[in-house]
Structure formats: C-alpha cells, structure tokens
C-alpha cells in the first residue's frame, strides 16, 4: 500500500476510514485489532497480563529517561487534506447523523477529532 501511496495526490481515501470509524463509534476487541485499525502505533507495547502493566510502564519510563527522550513537537494545522477534506468529512458526518446512523454525541466526538 505504501508503494501505491507514494505517487498518489488524493489523500482523502486514506483518512476517510479513520473518521468514519470514529463517527460510527467503532472500537476494537483486542490490542492487535486496535493496531490494525490505527488506534495504536505499530511500536506501542502490548501487555497481555494486567498485573504486569504497571511494572512494564515503569520500565518503559526508565528506559525513555535513560535515553534522553523528548516528546515530538505537536503538528500545526491540518496539513493532510486541508479545508476541502475537512468539509467533505464533515458533510459525511452530517449525513450519517441526520440519517440516524450515528447519534448526536458520536457526531460531536467525530467532529472534535477534526481539529
């Protein structure tokens, strides 16, 4: 898919599913499914035993501190799709809300993620 994306100029198909999933209120049933849906990064640590979560988090924090980790700078604006992409997504969300496919709250949550 990355090879196809390299020459493409229309970015809307790549971000459409992201907003539709959030508008529908879809969730994942596992950490592996969450990675596939894009809710988690491929580099995110998955801990299957809940009793080991705190220990793993402490170890990750110590490792980040030891390597001098600094959080990345926050991106400015909406550089991917621009205003036309946001308008298209907002229009689809309005249609989904008015058609009864999503609730007003789902619409609010999906609209808030466009900022």
PDB file of N, CA and C in Angstrom:
ATOM      1  N   UNK A   1       0.814  -1.190   0.000  1.00  0.00           N
ATOM      2  CA  UNK A   1       0.000   0.000   0.000  1.00  0.00           C
ATOM      3  C   UNK A   1       0.859   1.257   0.000  1.00  0.00           C
ATOM      4  N   UNK A   2       2.024   1.196   0.640  1.00  0.00           N
ATOM      5  CA  UNK A   2       2.899   2.362   0.680  1.00  0.00           C
ATOM      6  C   UNK A   2       3.411   2.701  -0.712  1.00  0.00           C
ATOM      7  N   UNK A   3       3.639   1.683  -1.536  1.00  0.00           N
ATOM      8  CA  UNK A   3       4.103   1.944  -2.891  1.00  0.00           C
ATOM      9  C   UNK A   3       3.021   2.654  -3.690  1.00  0.00           C
ATOM     10  N   UNK A   4       1.757   2.291  -3.453  1.00  0.00           N
ATOM     11  CA  UNK A   4       0.667   2.959  -4.135  1.00  0.00           C
ATOM     12  C   UNK A   4       0.518   4.386  -3.626  1.00  0.00           C
ATOM     13  N   UNK A   5       0.738   4.578  -2.336  1.00  0.00           N
ATOM     14  CA  UNK A   5       0.553   5.896  -1.742  1.00  0.00           C
ATOM     15  C   UNK A   5       1.626   6.875  -2.177  1.00  0.00           C
ATOM     16  N   UNK A   6       2.787   6.387  -2.590  1.00  0.00           N
ATOM     17  CA  UNK A   6       3.891   7.284  -2.920  1.00  0.00           C
ATOM     18  C   UNK A   6       3.551   8.197  -4.085  1.00  0.00           C
ATOM     19  N   UNK A   7       2.831   7.693  -5.088  1.00  0.00           N
ATOM     20  CA  UNK A   7       2.526   8.513  -6.251  1.00  0.00           C
ATOM     21  C   UNK A   7       1.171   9.176  -6.213  1.00  0.00           C
ATOM     22  N   UNK A   8       0.394   8.911  -5.177  1.00  0.00           N
ATOM     23  CA  UNK A   8      -0.964   9.455  -5.113  1.00  0.00           C
ATOM     24  C   UNK A   8      -0.955  10.891  -4.618  1.00  0.00           C
ATOM     25  N   UNK A   9      -1.878  11.692  -5.150  1.00  0.00           N
ATOM     26  CA  UNK A   9      -2.033  13.054  -4.670  1.00  0.00           C
ATOM     27  C   UNK A   9      -3.331  13.232  -3.900  1.00  0.00           C
ATOM     28  N   UNK A  10      -4.284  12.316  -4.053  1.00  0.00           N
ATOM     29  CA  UNK A  10      -5.546  12.384  -3.335  1.00  0.00           C
ATOM     30  C   UNK A  10      -5.400  11.637  -2.016  1.00  0.00           C
ATOM     31  N   UNK A  11      -5.389  12.358  -0.920  1.00  0.00           N
ATOM     32  CA  UNK A  11      -5.170  11.742   0.389  1.00  0.00           C
ATOM     33  C   UNK A  11      -6.473  11.364   1.071  1.00  0.00           C
ATOM     34  N   UNK A  12      -7.599  11.766   0.505  1.00  0.00           N
ATOM     35  CA  UNK A  12      -8.880  11.536   1.159  1.00  0.00           C
ATOM     36  C   UNK A  12      -9.173  10.065   1.435  1.00  0.00           C
ATOM     37  N   UNK A  13      -8.919   9.119   0.504  1.00  0.00           N
ATOM     38  CA  UNK A  13      -9.215   7.713   0.812  1.00  0.00           C
ATOM     39  C   UNK A  13      -8.477   7.184   2.035  1.00  0.00           C
ATOM     40  N   UNK A  14      -7.328   7.721   2.337  1.00  0.00           N
ATOM     41  CA  UNK A  14      -6.553   7.248   3.475  1.00  0.00           C
ATOM     42  C   UNK A  14      -7.103   7.735   4.809  1.00  0.00           C
ATOM     43  N   UNK A  15      -7.720   8.914   4.823  1.00  0.00           N
ATOM     44  CA  UNK A  15      -8.224   9.449   6.087  1.00  0.00           C
ATOM     45  C   UNK A  15      -9.720   9.226   6.255  1.00  0.00           C
ATOM     46  N   UNK A  16     -10.417   8.856   5.190  1.00  0.00           N
ATOM     47  CA  UNK A  16     -11.871   8.681   5.253  1.00  0.00           C
ATOM     48  C   UNK A  16     -12.252   7.609   6.272  1.00  0.00           C
ATOM     49  N   UNK A  17     -11.633   6.436   6.193  1.00  0.00           N
ATOM     50  CA  UNK A  17     -11.990   5.349   7.104  1.00  0.00           C
ATOM     51  C   UNK A  17     -11.726   5.713   8.558  1.00  0.00           C
ATOM     52  N   UNK A  18     -10.682   6.471   8.794  1.00  0.00           N
ATOM     53  CA  UNK A  18     -10.353   6.881  10.157  1.00  0.00           C
ATOM     54  C   UNK A  18     -11.510   7.667  10.770  1.00  0.00           C
ATOM     55  N   UNK A  19     -12.049   8.637  10.012  1.00  0.00           N
ATOM     56  CA  UNK A  19     -13.138   9.452  10.535  1.00  0.00           C
ATOM     57  C   UNK A  19     -14.452   8.688  10.573  1.00  0.00           C
ATOM     58  N   UNK A  20     -14.687   7.819   9.614  1.00  0.00           N
ATOM     59  CA  UNK A  20     -15.924   7.045   9.605  1.00  0.00           C
ATOM     60  C   UNK A  20     -15.964   6.088  10.798  1.00  0.00           C
ATOM     61  N   UNK A  21     -14.844   5.436  11.114  1.00  0.00           N
ATOM     62  CA  UNK A  21     -14.792   4.540  12.269  1.00  0.00           C
ATOM     63  C   UNK A  21     -15.094   5.293  13.550  1.00  0.00           C
ATOM     64  N   UNK A  22     -14.573   6.491  13.694  1.00  0.00           N
ATOM     65  CA  UNK A  22     -14.836   7.267  14.898  1.00  0.00           C
ATOM     66  C   UNK A  22     -16.267   7.786  14.908  1.00  0.00           C
ATOM     67  N   UNK A  23     -16.794   8.133  13.733  1.00  0.00           N
ATOM     68  CA  UNK A  23     -18.178   8.590  13.659  1.00  0.00           C
ATOM     69  C   UNK A  23     -19.161   7.486  14.002  1.00  0.00           C
ATOM     70  N   UNK A  24     -18.861   6.263  13.606  1.00  0.00           N
ATOM     71  CA  UNK A  24     -19.715   5.118  13.919  1.00  0.00           C
ATOM     72  C   UNK A  24     -19.529   4.652  15.351  1.00  0.00           C
ATOM     73  N   UNK A  25     -18.498   5.114  16.015  1.00  0.00           N
ATOM     74  CA  UNK A  25     -18.214   4.675  17.368  1.00  0.00           C
ATOM     75  C   UNK A  25     -17.642   3.268  17.409  1.00  0.00           C
ATOM     76  N   UNK A  26     -17.002   2.868  16.325  1.00  0.00           N
ATOM     77  CA  UNK A  26     -16.426   1.526  16.281  1.00  0.00           C
ATOM     78  C   UNK A  26     -15.226   1.445  17.212  1.00  0.00           C
ATOM     79  N   UNK A  27     -15.114   0.322  17.846  1.00  0.00           N
ATOM     80  CA  UNK A  27     -13.978   0.084  18.716  1.00  0.00           C
ATOM     81  C   UNK A  27     -13.303  -1.218  18.339  1.00  0.00           C
ATOM     82  N   UNK A  28     -12.245  -1.503  19.008  1.00  0.00           N
ATOM     83  CA  UNK A  28     -11.540  -2.754  18.747  1.00  0.00           C
ATOM     84  C   UNK A  28     -11.824  -3.727  19.883  1.00  0.00           C
ATOM     85  N   UNK A  29     -11.649  -4.997  19.589  1.00  0.00           N
ATOM     86  CA  UNK A  29     -11.880  -6.021  20.600  1.00  0.00           C
ATOM     87  C   UNK A  29     -10.570  -6.545  21.187  1.00  0.00           C
ATOM     88  N   UNK A  30      -9.452  -6.121  20.633  1.00  0.00           N
ATOM     89  CA  UNK A  30      -8.157  -6.554  21.150  1.00  0.00           C
ATOM     90  C   UNK A  30      -7.095  -5.531  20.781  1.00  0.00           C
ATOM     91  N   UNK A  31      -5.952  -5.649  21.393  1.00  0.00           N
ATOM     92  CA  UNK A  31      -4.851  -4.735  21.093  1.00  0.00           C
ATOM     93  C   UNK A  31      -4.350  -4.932  19.666  1.00  0.00           C
ATOM     94  N   UNK A  32      -4.344  -6.167  19.196  1.00  0.00           N
ATOM     95  CA  UNK A  32      -3.880  -6.425  17.832  1.00  0.00           C
ATOM     96  C   UNK A  32      -4.846  -5.836  16.814  1.00  0.00           C
ATOM     97  N   UNK A  33      -6.152  -5.919  17.090  1.00  0.00           N
ATOM     98  CA  UNK A  33      -7.125  -5.297  16.198  1.00  0.00           C
ATOM     99  C   UNK A  33      -7.014  -3.775  16.257  1.00  0.00           C
ATOM    100  N   UNK A  34      -6.732  -3.229  17.431  1.00  0.00           N
ATOM    101  CA  UNK A  34      -6.558  -1.786  17.575  1.00  0.00           C
ATOM    102  C   UNK A  34      -5.362  -1.308  16.752  1.00  0.00           C
ATOM    103  N   UNK A  35      -4.306  -2.100  16.691  1.00  0.00           N
ATOM    104  CA  UNK A  35      -3.163  -1.747  15.846  1.00  0.00           C
ATOM    105  C   UNK A  35      -3.551  -1.768  14.380  1.00  0.00           C
ATOM    106  N   UNK A  36      -4.324  -2.772  13.981  1.00  0.00           N
ATOM    107  CA  UNK A  36      -4.746  -2.883  12.590  1.00  0.00           C
ATOM    108  C   UNK A  36      -5.671  -1.733  12.194  1.00  0.00           C
ATOM    109  N   UNK A  37      -6.490  -1.245  13.138  1.00  0.00           N
ATOM    110  CA  UNK A  37      -7.420  -0.149  12.859  1.00  0.00           C
ATOM    111  C   UNK A  37      -6.737   1.212  12.929  1.00  0.00           C
ATOM    112  N   UNK A  38      -5.511   1.252  13.430  1.00  0.00           N
ATOM    113  CA  UNK A  38      -4.795   2.510  13.520  1.00  0.00           C
ATOM    114  C   UNK A  38      -4.977   3.235  14.835  1.00  0.00           C
ATOM    115  N   UNK A  39      -5.648   2.611  15.815  1.00  0.00           N
ATOM    116  CA  UNK A  39      -5.796   3.238  17.120  1.00  0.00           C
ATOM    117  C   UNK A  39      -4.488   3.222  17.889  1.00  0.00           C
ATOM    118  N   UNK A  40      -3.655   2.219  17.645  1.00  0.00           N
ATOM    119  CA  UNK A  40      -2.349   2.100  18.278  1.00  0.00           C
ATOM    120  C   UNK A  40      -1.271   2.148  17.209  1.00  0.00           C
ATOM    121  N   UNK A  41      -0.110   2.610  17.589  1.00  0.00           N
ATOM    122  CA  UNK A  41       1.023   2.606  16.676  1.00  0.00           C
ATOM    123  C   UNK A  41       1.633   1.211  16.631  1.00  0.00           C
ATOM    124  N   UNK A  42       2.283   0.861  15.523  1.00  0.00           N
ATOM    125  CA  UNK A  42       2.941  -0.448  15.470  1.00  0.00           C
ATOM    126  C   UNK A  42       4.016  -0.614  16.543  1.00  0.00           C
ATOM    127  N   UNK A  43       4.554   0.485  17.027  1.00  0.00           N
ATOM    128  CA  UNK A  43       5.614   0.428  18.039  1.00  0.00           C
ATOM    129  C   UNK A  43       5.081   0.417  19.465  1.00  0.00           C
ATOM    130  N   UNK A  44       3.774   0.542  19.661  1.00  0.00           N
ATOM    131  CA  UNK A  44       3.202   0.551  21.005  1.00  0.00           C
ATOM    132  C   UNK A  44       3.369  -0.813  21.664  1.00  0.00           C
ATOM    133  N   UNK A  45       3.651  -0.784  22.940  1.00  0.00           N
ATOM    134  CA  UNK A  45       3.839  -2.012  23.705  1.00  0.00           C
ATOM    135  C   UNK A  45       2.486  -2.565  24.124  1.00  0.00           C
ATOM    136  N   UNK A  46       2.300  -3.859  23.926  1.00  0.00           N
ATOM    137  CA  UNK A  46       1.074  -4.537  24.336  1.00  0.00           C
ATOM    138  C   UNK A  46       1.415  -5.476  25.483  1.00  0.00           C
ATOM    139  N   UNK A  47       0.687  -5.331  26.586  1.00  0.00           N
ATOM    140  CA  UNK A  47       0.888  -6.176  27.754  1.00  0.00           C
ATOM    141  C   UNK A  47      -0.394  -6.996  27.933  1.00  0.00           C
ATOM    142  N   UNK A  48      -0.278  -8.299  27.873  1.00  0.00           N
ATOM    143  CA  UNK A  48      -1.445  -9.159  27.930  1.00  0.00           C
ATOM    144  C   UNK A  48      -1.881  -9.467  29.363  1.00  0.00           C
ATOM    145  N   UNK A  49      -0.991  -9.355  30.315  1.00  0.00           N
ATOM    146  CA  UNK A  49      -1.322  -9.623  31.707  1.00  0.00           C
ATOM    147  C   UNK A  49      -1.489  -8.296  32.428  1.00  0.00           C
ATOM    148  N   UNK A  50      -2.699  -8.004  32.907  1.00  0.00           N
ATOM    149  CA  UNK A  50      -2.955  -6.697  33.519  1.00  0.00           C
ATOM    150  C   UNK A  50      -2.147  -6.466  34.789  1.00  0.00           C
ATOM    151  N   UNK A  51      -1.711  -7.543  35.431  1.00  0.00           N
ATOM    152  CA  UNK A  51      -0.908  -7.391  36.641  1.00  0.00           C
ATOM    153  C   UNK A  51       0.533  -6.983  36.331  1.00  0.00           C
ATOM    154  N   UNK A  52       0.931  -7.048  35.086  1.00  0.00           N
ATOM    155  CA  UNK A  52       2.281  -6.651  34.674  1.00  0.00           C
ATOM    156  C   UNK A  52       2.312  -5.262  34.030  1.00  0.00           C
ATOM    157  N   UNK A  53       1.154  -4.627  33.887  1.00  0.00           N
ATOM    158  CA  UNK A  53       1.097  -3.334  33.195  1.00  0.00           C
ATOM    159  C   UNK A  53       1.895  -2.256  33.903  1.00  0.00           C
ATOM    160  N   UNK A  54       1.738  -2.108  35.207  1.00  0.00           N
ATOM    161  CA  UNK A  54       2.464  -1.072  35.945  1.00  0.00           C
ATOM    162  C   UNK A  54       3.968  -1.304  35.876  1.00  0.00           C
ATOM    163  N   UNK A  55       4.402  -2.530  36.066  1.00  0.00           N
ATOM    164  CA  UNK A  55       5.825  -2.848  36.007  1.00  0.00           C
ATOM    165  C   UNK A  55       6.389  -2.540  34.618  1.00  0.00           C
ATOM    166  N   UNK A  56       5.654  -2.888  33.580  1.00  0.00           N
ATOM    167  CA  UNK A  56       6.099  -2.611  32.210  1.00  0.00           C
ATOM    168  C   UNK A  56       6.165  -1.107  31.962  1.00  0.00           C
ATOM    169  N   UNK A  57       5.174  -0.361  32.436  1.00  0.00           N
ATOM    170  CA  UNK A  57       5.159   1.088  32.254  1.00  0.00           C
ATOM    171  C   UNK A  57       6.330   1.755  32.969  1.00  0.00           C
ATOM    172  N   UNK A  58       6.621   1.299  34.167  1.00  0.00           N
ATOM    173  CA  UNK A  58       7.763   1.856  34.906  1.00  0.00           C
ATOM    174  C   UNK A  58       9.059   1.573  34.164  1.00  0.00           C
ATOM    175  N   UNK A  59       9.206   0.360  33.655  1.00  0.00           N
ATOM    176  CA  UNK A  59      10.405   0.016  32.893  1.00  0.00           C
ATOM    177  C   UNK A  59      10.541   0.848  31.632  1.00  0.00           C
ATOM    178  N   UNK A  60       9.416   1.081  30.932  1.00  0.00           N
ATOM    179  CA  UNK A  60       9.443   1.929  29.729  1.00  0.00           C
ATOM    180  C   UNK A  60       9.836   3.362  30.089  1.00  0.00           C
ATOM    181  N   UNK A  61       9.290   3.879  31.197  1.00  0.00           N
ATOM    182  CA  UNK A  61       9.614   5.245  31.620  1.00  0.00           C
ATOM    183  C   UNK A  61      11.094   5.386  31.960  1.00  0.00           C
ATOM    184  N   UNK A  62      11.653   4.406  32.672  1.00  0.00           N
ATOM    185  CA  UNK A  62      13.080   4.444  32.984  1.00  0.00           C
ATOM    186  C   UNK A  62      13.923   4.388  31.719  1.00  0.00           C
ATOM    187  N   UNK A  63      13.539   3.544  30.766  1.00  0.00           N
ATOM    188  CA  UNK A  63      14.288   3.433  29.511  1.00  0.00           C
ATOM    189  C   UNK A  63      14.218   4.733  28.722  1.00  0.00           C
ATOM    190  N   UNK A  64      13.036   5.370  28.687  1.00  0.00           N
ATOM    191  CA  UNK A  64      12.901   6.639  27.967  1.00  0.00           C
ATOM    192  C   UNK A  64      13.763   7.721  28.616  1.00  0.00           C
ATOM    193  N   UNK A  65      13.775   7.754  29.939  1.00  0.00           N
ATOM    194  CA  UNK A  65      14.590   8.743  30.650  1.00  0.00           C
ATOM    195  C   UNK A  65      16.081   8.502  30.400  1.00  0.00           C
ATOM    196  N   UNK A  66      16.477   7.242  30.423  1.00  0.00           N
ATOM    197  CA  UNK A  66      17.895   6.907  30.252  1.00  0.00           C
ATOM    198  C   UNK A  66      18.404   7.270  28.858  1.00  0.00           C
ATOM    199  N   UNK A  67      17.526   7.236  27.871  1.00  0.00           N
ATOM    200  CA  UNK A  67      17.945   7.556  26.502  1.00  0.00           C
ATOM    201  C   UNK A  67      17.725   9.024  26.146  1.00  0.00           C
ATOM    202  N   UNK A  68      17.249   9.827  27.104  1.00  0.00           N
ATOM    203  CA  UNK A  68      17.072  11.259  26.849  1.00  0.00           C
ATOM    204  C   UNK A  68      15.877  11.579  25.977  1.00  0.00           C
ATOM    205  N   UNK A  69      14.804  10.821  26.089  1.00  0.00           N
ATOM    206  CA  UNK A  69      13.616  11.015  25.251  1.00  0.00           C
ATOM    207  C   UNK A  69      13.006  12.392  25.480  1.00  0.00           C
ATOM    208  N   UNK A  70      12.615  13.013  24.396  1.00  0.00           N
ATOM    209  CA  UNK A  70      11.850  14.261  24.425  1.00  0.00           C
ATOM    210  C   UNK A  70      10.642  14.070  23.518  1.00  0.00           C
ATOM    211  N   UNK A  71       9.460  14.515  23.933  1.00  0.00           N
ATOM    212  CA  UNK A  71       8.282  14.324  23.083  1.00  0.00           C
ATOM    213  C   UNK A  71       8.415  15.106  21.780  1.00  0.00           C
ATOM    214  N   UNK A  72       7.851  14.577  20.704  1.00  0.00           N
ATOM    215  CA  UNK A  72       7.934  15.290  19.423  1.00  0.00           C
ATOM    216  C   UNK A  72       7.112  16.570  19.468  1.00  0.00           C
ATOM    217  N   UNK A  73       7.476  17.513  18.620  1.00  0.00           N
ATOM    218  CA  UNK A  73       6.725  18.759  18.534  1.00  0.00           C
ATOM    219  C   UNK A  73       5.335  18.468  17.982  1.00  0.00           C
ATOM    220  N   UNK A  74       4.365  19.187  18.466  1.00  0.00           N
ATOM    221  CA  UNK A  74       2.983  18.985  18.030  1.00  0.00           C
ATOM    222  C   UNK A  74       2.803  19.569  16.630  1.00  0.00           C
ATOM    223  N   UNK A  75       2.173  18.805  15.718  1.00  0.00           N
ATOM    224  CA  UNK A  75       1.962  19.322  14.371  1.00  0.00           C
ATOM    225  C   UNK A  75       0.975  20.490  14.378  1.00  0.00           C
ATOM    226  N   UNK A  76       1.170  21.413  13.478  1.00  0.00           N
ATOM    227  CA  UNK A  76       0.322  22.588  13.391  1.00  0.00           C
ATOM    228  C   UNK A  76      -0.674  22.431  12.250  1.00  0.00           C
ATOM    229  N   UNK A  77      -1.922  22.803  12.471  1.00  0.00           N
ATOM    230  CA  UNK A  77      -2.921  22.826  11.417  1.00  0.00           C
ATOM    231  C   UNK A  77      -3.391  21.449  10.990  1.00  0.00           C
ATOM    232  N   UNK A  78      -3.871  21.394   9.777  1.00  0.00           N
ATOM    233  CA  UNK A  78      -4.410  20.174   9.190  1.00  0.00           C
ATOM    234  C   UNK A  78      -3.741  19.996   7.837  1.00  0.00           C
ATOM    235  N   UNK A  79      -2.483  19.532   7.821  1.00  0.00           N
ATOM    236  CA  UNK A  79      -1.709  19.545   6.588  1.00  0.00           C
ATOM    237  C   UNK A  79      -2.076  18.463   5.573  1.00  0.00           C
ATOM    238  N   UNK A  80      -2.833  17.439   5.968  1.00  0.00           N
ATOM    239  CA  UNK A  80      -3.044  16.303   5.072  1.00  0.00           C
ATOM    240  C   UNK A  80      -4.081  16.591   4.011  1.00  0.00           C
ATOM    241  N   UNK A  81      -5.299  16.920   4.409  1.00  0.00           N
ATOM    242  CA  UNK A  81      -6.386  17.059   3.443  1.00  0.00           C
ATOM    243  C   UNK A  81      -6.812  18.507   3.243  1.00  0.00           C
ATOM    244  N   UNK A  82      -6.467  19.369   4.149  1.00  0.00           N
ATOM    245  CA  UNK A  82      -6.837  20.762   4.011  1.00  0.00           C
ATOM    246  C   UNK A  82      -8.314  21.004   4.279  1.00  0.00           C
ATOM    247  N   UNK A  83      -8.760  22.197   3.949  1.00  0.00           N
ATOM    248  CA  UNK A  83     -10.143  22.585   4.230  1.00  0.00           C
ATOM    249  C   UNK A  83     -11.153  21.769   3.437  1.00  0.00           C
ATOM    250  N   UNK A  84     -10.828  21.439   2.194  1.00  0.00           N
ATOM    251  CA  UNK A  84     -11.782  20.672   1.391  1.00  0.00           C
ATOM    252  C   UNK A  84     -11.971  19.267   1.963  1.00  0.00           C
ATOM    253  N   UNK A  85     -10.915  18.664   2.465  1.00  0.00           N
ATOM    254  CA  UNK A  85     -11.029  17.350   3.082  1.00  0.00           C
ATOM    255  C   UNK A  85     -11.858  17.387   4.351  1.00  0.00           C
ATOM    256  N   UNK A  86     -11.645  18.409   5.176  1.00  0.00           N
ATOM    257  CA  UNK A  86     -12.417  18.559   6.408  1.00  0.00           C
ATOM    258  C   UNK A  86     -13.887  18.780   6.064  1.00  0.00           C
ATOM    259  N   UNK A  87     -14.168  19.593   5.053  1.00  0.00           N
ATOM    260  CA  UNK A  87     -15.554  19.844   4.647  1.00  0.00           C
ATOM    261  C   UNK A  87     -16.227  18.572   4.142  1.00  0.00           C
ATOM    262  N   UNK A  88     -15.512  17.759   3.395  1.00  0.00           N
ATOM    263  CA  UNK A  88     -16.071  16.503   2.891  1.00  0.00           C
ATOM    264  C   UNK A  88     -16.400  15.563   4.039  1.00  0.00           C
ATOM    265  N   UNK A  89     -15.480  15.436   4.973  1.00  0.00           N
ATOM    266  CA  UNK A  89     -15.704  14.559   6.119  1.00  0.00           C
ATOM    267  C   UNK A  89     -16.855  15.077   6.970  1.00  0.00           C
ATOM    268  N   UNK A  90     -16.887  16.375   7.199  1.00  0.00           N
ATOM    269  CA  UNK A  90     -17.963  16.968   7.998  1.00  0.00           C
ATOM    270  C   UNK A  90     -19.316  16.734   7.328  1.00  0.00           C
ATOM    271  N   UNK A  91     -19.361  16.842   5.999  1.00  0.00           N
ATOM    272  CA  UNK A  91     -20.601  16.590   5.271  1.00  0.00           C
ATOM    273  C   UNK A  91     -21.055  15.144   5.423  1.00  0.00           C
ATOM    274  N   UNK A  92     -20.127  14.211   5.360  1.00  0.00           N
ATOM    275  CA  UNK A  92     -20.481  12.801   5.548  1.00  0.00           C
ATOM    276  C   UNK A  92     -20.983  12.548   6.960  1.00  0.00           C
ATOM    277  N   UNK A  93     -20.364  13.188   7.932  1.00  0.00           N
ATOM    278  CA  UNK A  93     -20.806  13.020   9.316  1.00  0.00           C
ATOM    279  C   UNK A  93     -22.209  13.584   9.520  1.00  0.00           C
ATOM    280  N   UNK A  94     -22.506  14.724   8.901  1.00  0.00           N
ATOM    281  CA  UNK A  94     -23.843  15.307   8.999  1.00  0.00           C
ATOM    282  C   UNK A  94     -24.865  14.356   8.384  1.00  0.00           C
ATOM    283  N   UNK A  95     -24.548  13.790   7.225  1.00  0.00           N
ATOM    284  CA  UNK A  95     -25.460  12.832   6.586  1.00  0.00           C
ATOM    285  C   UNK A  95     -25.677  11.601   7.461  1.00  0.00           C
ATOM    286  N   UNK A  96     -24.620  11.113   8.085  1.00  0.00           N
ATOM    287  CA  UNK A  96     -24.749   9.949   8.958  1.00  0.00           C
ATOM    288  C   UNK A  96     -25.604  10.275  10.179  1.00  0.00           C
ATOM    289  N   UNK A  97     -25.421  11.471  10.736  1.00  0.00           N
ATOM    290  CA  UNK A  97     -26.216  11.882  11.901  1.00  0.00           C
ATOM    291  C   UNK A  97     -27.680  12.060  11.524  1.00  0.00           C
ATOM    292  N   UNK A  98     -27.933  12.787  10.432  1.00  0.00           N
ATOM    293  CA  UNK A  98     -29.306  13.053  10.019  1.00  0.00           C
ATOM    294  C   UNK A  98     -30.006  11.795   9.522  1.00  0.00           C
ATOM    295  N   UNK A  99     -29.262  10.831   9.026  1.00  0.00           N
ATOM    296  CA  UNK A  99     -29.840   9.571   8.575  1.00  0.00           C
ATOM    297  C   UNK A  99     -30.064   8.579   9.697  1.00  0.00           C
ATOM    298  N   UNK A 100     -29.640   8.910  10.912  1.00  0.00           N
ATOM    299  CA  UNK A 100     -29.858   8.040  12.059  1.00  0.00           C
ATOM    300  C   UNK A 100     -28.818   6.946  12.215  1.00  0.00           C
ATOM    301  N   UNK A 101     -27.707   7.050  11.481  1.00  0.00           N
ATOM    302  CA  UNK A 101     -26.667   6.030  11.589  1.00  0.00           C
ATOM    303  C   UNK A 101     -25.767   6.257  12.797  1.00  0.00           C
ATOM    304  N   UNK A 102     -25.653   7.507  13.241  1.00  0.00           N
ATOM    305  CA  UNK A 102     -24.856   7.838  14.417  1.00  0.00           C
ATOM    306  C   UNK A 102     -25.657   8.793  15.287  1.00  0.00           C
ATOM    307  N   UNK A 103     -25.310   8.857  16.561  1.00  0.00           N
ATOM    308  CA  UNK A 103     -26.001   9.752  17.487  1.00  0.00           C
ATOM    309  C   UNK A 103     -25.378  11.148  17.418  1.00  0.00           C
ATOM    310  N   UNK A 104     -26.059  12.082  18.065  1.00  0.00           N
ATOM    311  CA  UNK A 104     -25.526  13.446  18.127  1.00  0.00           C
ATOM    312  C   UNK A 104     -24.192  13.467  18.866  1.00  0.00           C
ATOM    313  N   UNK A 105     -24.059  12.614  19.876  1.00  0.00           N
ATOM    314  CA  UNK A 105     -22.796  12.551  20.617  1.00  0.00           C
ATOM    315  C   UNK A 105     -21.679  11.975  19.737  1.00  0.00           C
ATOM    316  N   UNK A 106     -21.986  10.925  18.970  1.00  0.00           N
ATOM    317  CA  UNK A 106     -20.989  10.374  18.041  1.00  0.00           C
ATOM    318  C   UNK A 106     -20.541  11.443  17.059  1.00  0.00           C
ATOM    319  N   UNK A 107     -21.503  12.241  16.576  1.00  0.00           N
ATOM    320  CA  UNK A 107     -21.179  13.339  15.658  1.00  0.00           C
ATOM    321  C   UNK A 107     -20.246  14.346  16.328  1.00  0.00           C
ATOM    322  N   UNK A 108     -20.536  14.670  17.584  1.00  0.00           N
ATOM    323  CA  UNK A 108     -19.705  15.623  18.334  1.00  0.00           C
ATOM    324  C   UNK A 108     -18.276  15.091  18.487  1.00  0.00           C
ATOM    325  N   UNK A 109     -18.142  13.823  18.851  1.00  0.00           N
ATOM    326  CA  UNK A 109     -16.822  13.231  19.060  1.00  0.00           C
ATOM    327  C   UNK A 109     -16.047  13.201  17.743  1.00  0.00           C
ATOM    328  N   UNK A 110     -16.685  12.765  16.657  1.00  0.00           N
ATOM    329  CA  UNK A 110     -16.004  12.698  15.365  1.00  0.00           C
ATOM    330  C   UNK A 110     -15.642  14.090  14.865  1.00  0.00           C
ATOM    331  N   UNK A 111     -16.497  15.078  15.119  1.00  0.00           N
ATOM    332  CA  UNK A 111     -16.192  16.454  14.703  1.00  0.00           C
ATOM    333  C   UNK A 111     -15.043  17.042  15.506  1.00  0.00           C
ATOM    334  N   UNK A 112     -14.959  16.678  16.771  1.00  0.00           N
ATOM    335  CA  UNK A 112     -13.887  17.200  17.620  1.00  0.00           C
ATOM    336  C   UNK A 112     -12.538  16.651  17.200  1.00  0.00           C
ATOM    337  N   UNK A 113     -12.497  15.449  16.610  1.00  0.00           N
ATOM    338  CA  UNK A 113     -11.216  14.866  16.201  1.00  0.00           C
ATOM    339  C   UNK A 113     -10.696  15.464  14.903  1.00  0.00           C
ATOM    340  N   UNK A 114     -11.463  16.357  14.271  1.00  0.00           N
ATOM    341  CA  UNK A 114     -11.024  17.005  13.042  1.00  0.00           C
ATOM    342  C   UNK A 114     -10.196  18.243  13.306  1.00  0.00           C
ATOM    343  N   UNK A 115     -10.117  18.674  14.526  1.00  0.00           N
ATOM    344  CA  UNK A 115      -9.375  19.901  14.833  1.00  0.00           C
ATOM    345  C   UNK A 115      -7.919  19.655  14.914  1.00  0.00           C
TER     346      UNK A 115
END
